[in-house]
Amino acid sequence: MSEASSPNICAACDRLDRTQQASLRDEDIPRCTAFPTGIPGRIWEGGFDHRNRWPGDNGVRFLLREGGDFDLKFYEDFTSTT
């Protein structure tokens, strides 16, 4: 699961583990502060907006990273048409 199949909110999130992303292999699972053992597929694959509550996120949700405006707009445009 090296790349999301569609735009996801994670690309714009400051909580995404970008150090891991730089060397992500197919067998690796993308991680973040909210999901240290792996981002759920419905979020990573672009179907769920993690500005909303997700079971097990312990209240840790999307936080726009500096410079993430373009990625967030890309995600929002994509999800508004699907």
Protein backbone atom coordinates (compact mmCIF):
# COMPACT_ATOMS: atom_id res chain seq x y z
CA MET A 1 0.00 0.00 0.00
CA SER A 2 2.63 2.51 -0.99
CA GLU A 3 0.31 5.15 -2.36
CA ALA A 4 -3.32 5.98 -1.85
CA SER A 5 -5.55 4.99 -4.75
CA SER A 6 -7.25 8.39 -4.74
CA PRO A 7 -6.59 11.77 -3.13
CA ASN A 8 -6.77 11.54 0.63
CA ILE A 9 -6.85 14.04 3.43
CA CYS A 10 -3.65 12.54 4.85
CA ALA A 11 -1.54 14.29 2.20
CA ALA A 12 -2.51 17.65 3.70
CA CYS A 13 -2.21 16.55 7.33
CA ASP A 14 0.60 17.58 9.65
CA ARG A 15 0.16 14.37 11.66
CA LEU A 16 1.20 12.03 8.81
CA ASP A 17 4.50 10.24 9.46
CA ARG A 18 6.44 11.72 6.54
CA THR A 19 9.73 10.16 7.61
CA GLN A 20 8.17 6.77 6.99
CA GLN A 21 6.54 7.95 3.76
CA ALA A 22 9.93 8.70 2.23
CA SER A 23 10.83 5.00 2.36
CA LEU A 24 7.40 3.36 2.25
CA ARG A 25 7.46 -0.09 0.70
CA ASP A 26 4.44 -2.07 -0.49
CA GLU A 27 4.27 -4.09 2.71
CA ASP A 28 4.47 -1.00 4.93
CA ILE A 29 1.40 0.61 6.39
CA PRO A 30 1.12 4.42 6.40
CA ARG A 31 1.03 5.77 9.95
CA CYS A 32 0.25 8.99 11.75
CA THR A 33 -0.19 10.38 15.24
CA ALA A 34 -3.84 9.27 15.37
CA PHE A 35 -3.07 5.79 14.01
CA PRO A 36 0.45 4.76 15.05
CA THR A 37 -0.16 1.16 14.00
CA GLY A 38 -1.60 2.09 10.60
CA ILE A 39 -4.06 4.48 9.01
CA PRO A 40 -7.39 2.75 8.31
CA GLY A 41 -7.96 1.98 4.64
CA ARG A 42 -11.12 4.07 4.41
CA ILE A 43 -9.14 7.15 5.41
CA TRP A 44 -5.92 6.40 3.49
CA GLU A 45 -7.78 5.43 0.33
CA GLY A 46 -9.59 8.75 0.26
CA GLY A 47 -13.14 7.87 1.20
CA PHE A 48 -13.32 9.27 4.72
CA ASP A 49 -12.75 12.84 5.88
CA HIS A 50 -10.72 12.57 9.08
CA ARG A 51 -11.82 16.01 10.23
CA ASN A 52 -14.66 13.86 11.54
CA ARG A 53 -14.45 11.33 14.36
CA TRP A 54 -13.15 7.85 13.57
CA PRO A 55 -13.31 4.99 16.09
CA GLY A 56 -9.96 4.64 17.82
CA ASP A 57 -8.51 8.02 16.86
CA ASN A 58 -8.63 9.14 20.53
CA GLY A 59 -9.71 12.60 19.46
CA VAL A 60 -6.60 13.12 17.31
CA ARG A 61 -7.85 14.32 13.94
CA PHE A 62 -6.72 16.11 10.82
CA LEU A 63 -4.42 19.10 11.31
CA LEU A 64 -3.58 21.13 8.20
CA ARG A 65 0.17 21.13 7.63
CA GLU A 66 1.96 24.26 6.55
CA GLY A 67 1.73 24.36 2.76
CA GLY A 68 -1.00 21.71 2.69
CA ASP A 69 -3.71 23.95 1.21
CA PHE A 70 -3.30 22.60 -2.34
CA ASP A 71 -3.48 18.96 -1.18
CA LEU A 72 -6.57 19.71 0.93
CA LYS A 73 -8.32 21.44 -1.97
CA PHE A 74 -7.42 18.54 -4.29
CA TYR A 75 -8.94 16.09 -1.76
CA GLU A 76 -12.06 18.24 -1.26
CA ASP A 77 -12.59 18.67 -5.01
CA PHE A 78 -12.20 14.93 -5.56
CA THR A 79 -14.57 13.91 -2.76
CA SER A 80 -17.21 16.45 -3.75
CA THR A 81 -17.48 14.80 -7.18
CA THR A 82 -17.57 11.18 -6.01
